[in-house]
Amino acid sequence: MGVARALAVDPEILVMDEPFSQVDALTAEALRAEIMDIWADKERNPSAILMVSQSIREALLMADRVAVLSGSPGTLRTIVDVPLPRPRDSRSPEFMKLVDHLHDIITSAELPDVQVTVPVPSASQEEDQVEPLPMVQSADILGLLEFLEAQGGTSDLFQVASHTHVPFERVLTTVKAAEMLDLVDTPKRSVLLTPLGKRFVNANMDDRKDLWRAQLLELRLFRVVKEMLHLEEGELPKEALLQEIATRLPMEDPEATFETIVAWGRFGELFAYREERGVLTPE
């Protein structure tokens, strides 16, 4: 495996990007222990390890310091020292306290529940502003809503990830998408269905599509697509929309945003994408 190949060259620093994400839980636990045993031997390399992880528990089990990054564009938000002796007990009160602390840092960064005072944009600026779309599928959002419904309409954000076995970062992105569509609200650490979200999750498929389509048209980006379809007389070339996305959202990936627009628009039957011709058309 990649870790073994990296260790074979006796590196001074070992850099790993989610090294255990593709193996089962028991194998991952054994590999983490093996890596820590190798690192604990002070007479051999690596002398330091830098690892990217989406798992709070994994980071706290292995690291001396955890660097928390913000979302796009990625910036260093804070560094948390982990003073616990090894081997660490993931069920100890001290460990769980650190888990909660990191969880609060991440959720406050990604889903702030604080009113921020900003300059009020002019009418023209507000009309031209479009929102970047979280890169998630409509099926992910539907799964989140149905999970919340099964939990009585609300759940702790960390528990959503734990019970659904979905990586925490993906859960955050899915929650952001559902919140943009006004299907959930996120007070502090909770995720709860809004009245619209409850209507949606209890509706039949046709009514769901109607509600979804209406919420898409609350987003400026989808109104732009609809306006462009009208101007192009019902056939909007992919390249034209990619150029519009790049102009309006210069920090986003146009291809990824286009794919999200298509996926969300298809579910709401707002428009269709004719891949063989490379054009969007109204449904």
Protein backbone atom coordinates (compact mmCIF):
# COMPACT_ATOMS: atom_id res chain seq x y z
CA MET A 1 0.00 0.00 0.00
CA GLY A 2 1.00 3.65 -0.30
CA VAL A 3 2.04 4.01 3.35
CA ALA A 4 4.40 1.03 3.08
CA ARG A 5 6.00 2.44 -0.09
CA ALA A 6 6.47 5.81 1.61
CA LEU A 7 8.11 4.21 4.67
CA ALA A 8 10.41 2.10 2.50
CA VAL A 9 12.50 5.15 1.58
CA ASP A 10 13.07 6.04 5.26
CA PRO A 11 11.44 9.51 5.05
CA GLU A 12 12.21 12.17 7.59
CA ILE A 13 8.63 13.44 7.30
CA LEU A 14 5.66 11.23 6.37
CA VAL A 15 2.78 13.07 4.65
CA MET A 16 -0.55 11.20 4.42
CA ASP A 17 -3.86 12.28 2.89
CA GLU A 18 -6.72 10.30 4.49
CA PRO A 19 -4.61 7.12 4.43
CA PHE A 20 -7.19 4.87 6.11
CA SER A 21 -10.36 6.06 4.36
CA GLN A 22 -10.54 3.11 1.94
CA VAL A 23 -10.24 0.28 4.46
CA ASP A 24 -12.69 -1.15 6.98
CA ALA A 25 -12.80 0.09 10.58
CA LEU A 26 -10.82 -2.79 12.11
CA THR A 27 -8.07 -2.59 9.49
CA ALA A 28 -7.88 1.17 9.92
CA GLU A 29 -7.50 0.75 13.69
CA ALA A 30 -4.67 -1.75 13.23
CA LEU A 31 -2.88 0.46 10.69
CA ARG A 32 -3.14 3.52 12.92
CA ALA A 33 -1.58 1.57 15.79
CA GLU A 34 1.21 0.31 13.51
CA ILE A 35 2.00 3.82 12.27
CA MET A 36 2.12 5.15 15.83
CA ASP A 37 4.47 2.32 16.91
CA ILE A 38 6.81 3.14 14.03
CA TRP A 39 6.71 6.85 14.81
CA ALA A 40 7.37 6.23 18.53
CA ASP A 41 10.76 4.67 17.73
CA LYS A 42 12.99 7.71 18.14
CA GLU A 43 15.99 6.01 16.53
CA ARG A 44 14.38 5.72 13.11
CA ASN A 45 12.40 7.87 10.69
CA PRO A 46 9.90 9.40 10.26
CA SER A 47 10.59 12.00 12.89
CA ALA A 48 7.30 13.79 12.08
CA ILE A 49 3.98 12.94 10.46
CA LEU A 50 1.58 15.31 8.71
CA MET A 51 -1.82 13.74 8.08
CA VAL A 52 -5.06 15.02 6.54
CA SER A 53 -8.18 13.52 8.09
CA GLN A 54 -11.91 14.19 8.11
CA SER A 55 -12.33 12.21 11.33
CA ILE A 56 -12.15 14.14 14.59
CA ARG A 57 -11.56 10.96 16.59
CA GLU A 58 -8.79 9.77 14.29
CA ALA A 59 -7.04 13.13 14.53
CA LEU A 60 -7.23 13.13 18.32
CA LEU A 61 -6.08 9.52 18.60
CA MET A 62 -2.94 10.16 16.56
CA ALA A 63 -1.93 13.80 16.66
CA ASP A 64 0.01 15.99 19.08
CA ARG A 65 -1.49 19.05 17.39
CA VAL A 66 -4.62 19.35 15.24
CA ALA A 67 -4.78 22.16 12.69
CA VAL A 68 -8.38 23.11 11.81
CA LEU A 69 -8.82 24.55 8.32
CA SER A 70 -11.69 26.68 7.09
CA GLY A 71 -13.61 25.95 3.90
CA SER A 72 -12.88 27.27 0.42
CA PRO A 73 -10.55 29.06 0.17
CA GLY A 74 -8.75 26.90 2.75
CA THR A 75 -7.11 28.91 5.52
CA LEU A 76 -5.74 27.95 8.93
CA ARG A 77 -8.45 28.62 11.50
CA THR A 78 -6.78 27.41 14.68
CA ILE A 79 -4.39 24.82 16.13
CA VAL A 80 -5.47 22.64 19.05
CA ASP A 81 -2.85 20.94 21.22
CA VAL A 82 -3.58 17.35 22.30
CA PRO A 83 -1.91 16.83 25.70
CA LEU A 84 -3.27 13.32 26.33
CA PRO A 85 -0.69 10.57 26.97
CA ARG A 86 -0.48 7.55 24.64
CA PRO A 87 -2.07 5.08 24.22
CA ARG A 88 -5.24 7.17 24.24
CA ASP A 89 -8.61 5.93 25.43
CA SER A 90 -11.27 7.22 23.04
CA ARG A 91 -13.94 6.65 25.72
CA SER A 92 -12.26 8.66 28.48
CA PRO A 93 -13.88 11.91 29.67
CA GLU A 94 -10.74 13.87 28.73
CA PHE A 95 -10.82 12.50 25.17
CA MET A 96 -14.55 13.16 24.77
CA LYS A 97 -14.05 16.71 26.02
CA LEU A 98 -11.49 17.30 23.25
CA VAL A 99 -13.87 15.75 20.69
CA ASP A 100 -16.59 18.19 21.72
CA HIS A 101 -14.13 21.09 21.67
CA LEU A 102 -12.97 20.33 18.11
CA HIS A 103 -16.54 19.69 17.01
CA ASP A 104 -17.61 23.10 18.31
CA ILE A 105 -14.70 24.80 16.52
CA ILE A 106 -15.56 23.14 13.19
CA THR A 107 -19.31 23.71 13.37
CA SER A 108 -18.91 27.33 14.41
CA ALA A 109 -16.60 27.85 11.43
CA GLU A 110 -18.81 26.11 8.87
CA LEU A 111 -22.29 26.79 10.21
CA PRO A 112 -22.10 29.95 12.28
CA ASP A 113 -25.15 30.83 14.35
CA VAL A 114 -24.12 34.46 14.78
CA GLN A 115 -25.59 37.51 13.11
CA VAL A 116 -22.83 39.39 11.31
CA THR A 117 -23.18 43.06 10.46
CA VAL A 118 -22.20 43.74 6.86
CA PRO A 119 -22.69 46.67 4.52
CA VAL A 120 -26.10 46.56 2.85
CA PRO A 121 -25.59 46.01 -0.89
CA SER A 122 -27.25 48.29 -3.38
CA ALA A 123 -30.22 46.97 -5.35
CA SER A 124 -28.07 46.42 -8.44
CA GLN A 125 -25.38 44.56 -6.48
CA GLU A 126 -27.97 42.36 -4.79
CA GLU A 127 -29.63 41.54 -8.09
CA ASP A 128 -26.30 40.52 -9.67
CA GLN A 129 -25.02 38.44 -6.74
CA VAL A 130 -25.09 34.64 -7.09
CA GLU A 131 -24.45 32.06 -4.41
CA PRO A 132 -21.81 29.32 -4.79
CA LEU A 133 -23.46 25.91 -4.70
CA PRO A 134 -22.30 23.16 -2.33
CA MET A 135 -21.12 20.24 -4.47
CA VAL A 136 -23.60 17.60 -3.33
CA GLN A 137 -26.18 15.47 -5.11
CA SER A 138 -29.90 15.92 -4.59
CA ALA A 139 -29.97 12.32 -3.27
CA ASP A 140 -27.61 13.35 -0.44
CA ILE A 141 -29.97 16.15 0.57
CA LEU A 142 -32.99 13.82 0.42
CA GLY A 143 -31.13 11.30 2.57
CA LEU A 144 -30.38 13.98 5.18
CA LEU A 145 -34.03 15.09 5.30
CA GLU A 146 -35.30 11.55 5.67
CA PHE A 147 -32.76 10.84 8.41
CA LEU A 148 -33.89 13.94 10.32
CA GLU A 149 -37.53 12.91 9.90
CA ALA A 150 -36.72 9.50 11.39
CA GLN A 151 -35.05 11.28 14.33
CA GLY A 152 -38.16 13.34 15.07
CA GLY A 153 -37.12 16.30 12.93
CA THR A 154 -33.85 17.23 14.60
CA SER A 155 -30.39 15.86 15.37
CA ASP A 156 -26.98 16.98 16.56
CA LEU A 157 -24.65 17.60 13.59
CA PHE A 158 -22.01 15.24 14.94
CA GLN A 159 -24.63 12.53 15.44
CA VAL A 160 -25.73 12.86 11.82
CA ALA A 161 -22.22 11.90 10.70
CA SER A 162 -21.94 9.15 13.31
CA HIS A 163 -25.28 7.48 12.57
CA THR A 164 -25.13 7.77 8.78
CA HIS A 165 -21.43 6.77 8.52
CA VAL A 166 -20.85 9.70 6.17
CA PRO A 167 -17.59 11.72 6.45
CA PHE A 168 -18.11 14.82 8.57
CA GLU A 169 -17.04 17.26 5.84
CA ARG A 170 -19.57 15.75 3.43
CA VAL A 171 -22.28 16.02 6.08
CA LEU A 172 -21.44 19.72 6.54
CA THR A 173 -21.64 20.32 2.79
CA THR A 174 -24.98 18.51 2.55
CA VAL A 175 -26.39 20.49 5.48
CA LYS A 176 -25.26 23.74 3.82
CA ALA A 177 -27.08 22.75 0.63
CA ALA A 178 -30.29 21.87 2.47
CA GLU A 179 -30.09 25.14 4.40
CA MET A 180 -29.70 27.14 1.16
CA LEU A 181 -32.97 25.57 0.00
CA ASP A 182 -34.63 26.48 3.33
CA LEU A 183 -35.25 22.81 4.11
CA VAL A 184 -33.24 22.77 7.36
CA ASP A 185 -32.07 25.24 9.96
CA THR A 186 -28.84 25.01 11.99
CA PRO A 187 -29.11 26.62 15.41
CA LYS A 188 -25.75 26.06 17.14
CA ARG A 189 -24.85 22.34 16.86
CA SER A 190 -28.30 21.15 15.81
CA VAL A 191 -29.78 20.42 12.40
CA LEU A 192 -33.56 20.57 12.27
CA LEU A 193 -36.21 20.39 9.62
CA THR A 194 -37.90 23.69 8.80
CA PRO A 195 -41.70 23.72 8.25
CA LEU A 196 -40.94 23.58 4.52
CA GLY A 197 -38.54 20.69 5.11
CA LYS A 198 -41.25 18.78 6.97
CA ARG A 199 -43.72 19.42 4.12
CA PHE A 200 -41.14 18.27 1.63
CA VAL A 201 -40.14 15.03 3.36
CA ASN A 202 -43.79 14.03 3.86
CA ALA A 203 -44.87 14.88 0.31
CA ASN A 204 -45.23 12.50 -2.62
CA MET A 205 -42.60 12.62 -5.36
CA ASP A 206 -44.50 14.98 -7.65
CA ASP A 207 -45.05 17.48 -4.83
CA ARG A 208 -41.42 17.14 -3.79
CA LYS A 209 -40.33 18.09 -7.30
CA ASP A 210 -42.65 21.13 -7.25
CA LEU A 211 -41.29 22.31 -3.89
CA TRP A 212 -37.70 21.69 -4.98
CA ARG A 213 -38.20 23.62 -8.21
CA ALA A 214 -39.71 26.57 -6.34
CA GLN A 215 -36.76 26.67 -3.94
CA LEU A 216 -34.23 26.49 -6.76
CA LEU A 217 -35.76 29.60 -8.27
CA GLU A 218 -35.19 31.40 -4.97
CA LEU A 219 -31.46 31.10 -5.78
CA ARG A 220 -30.11 33.74 -8.12
CA LEU A 221 -27.88 31.27 -9.99
CA PHE A 222 -30.86 29.20 -11.14
CA ARG A 223 -32.75 32.32 -12.16
CA VAL A 224 -29.71 33.27 -14.26
CA VAL A 225 -29.84 29.87 -15.98
CA LYS A 226 -33.56 30.30 -16.65
CA GLU A 227 -32.98 33.79 -18.07
CA MET A 228 -30.17 32.51 -20.31
CA LEU A 229 -32.41 29.68 -21.55
CA HIS A 230 -35.02 32.26 -22.53
CA LEU A 231 -32.46 34.44 -24.33
CA GLU A 232 -31.02 31.42 -26.15
CA GLU A 233 -34.56 30.44 -27.25
CA GLY A 234 -34.63 27.23 -25.24
CA GLU A 235 -31.19 25.78 -26.00
CA LEU A 236 -28.36 26.95 -23.73
CA PRO A 237 -24.90 25.66 -24.77
CA LYS A 238 -22.84 24.21 -21.93
CA GLU A 239 -19.86 26.41 -22.86
CA ALA A 240 -21.97 29.57 -22.57
CA LEU A 241 -23.10 28.61 -19.08
CA LEU A 242 -19.55 27.62 -18.04
CA GLN A 243 -18.36 31.07 -19.11
CA GLU A 244 -21.16 32.73 -17.12
CA ILE A 245 -20.29 30.67 -14.03
CA ALA A 246 -16.59 31.55 -14.33
CA THR A 247 -17.46 35.25 -14.59
CA ARG A 248 -19.90 35.32 -11.67
CA LEU A 249 -18.09 32.83 -9.40
CA PRO A 250 -14.37 33.23 -10.19
CA MET A 251 -13.28 31.31 -7.05
CA GLU A 252 -15.39 28.22 -7.91
CA ASP A 253 -14.78 25.30 -10.26
CA PRO A 254 -17.06 25.97 -13.26
CA GLU A 255 -17.31 22.28 -14.26
CA ALA A 256 -18.23 21.15 -10.74
CA THR A 257 -20.77 23.97 -10.40
CA PHE A 258 -22.25 23.09 -13.80
CA GLU A 259 -22.67 19.45 -12.76
CA THR A 260 -24.43 20.52 -9.55
CA ILE A 261 -26.74 22.87 -11.45
CA VAL A 262 -27.66 20.05 -13.83
CA ALA A 263 -28.24 17.52 -11.03
CA TRP A 264 -30.40 19.86 -8.93
CA GLY A 265 -32.26 21.20 -11.99
CA ARG A 266 -33.04 17.70 -13.26
CA PHE A 267 -34.52 16.63 -9.95
CA GLY A 268 -36.81 19.66 -9.91
CA GLU A 269 -37.60 19.19 -13.61
CA LEU A 270 -36.52 22.77 -14.15
CA PHE A 271 -34.45 21.88 -17.21
CA ALA A 272 -32.72 18.93 -18.86
CA TYR A 273 -29.16 18.51 -20.13
CA ARG A 274 -28.79 16.94 -23.57
CA GLU A 275 -25.28 15.56 -23.20
CA GLU A 276 -24.94 14.37 -26.78
CA ARG A 277 -25.48 17.96 -28.00
CA GLY A 278 -23.99 19.76 -24.99
CA VAL A 279 -27.05 21.96 -24.37
CA LEU A 280 -29.54 22.66 -21.59
CA THR A 281 -33.22 22.74 -22.52
CA PRO A 282 -36.38 23.49 -20.53
CA GLU A 283 -38.32 20.47 -19.24
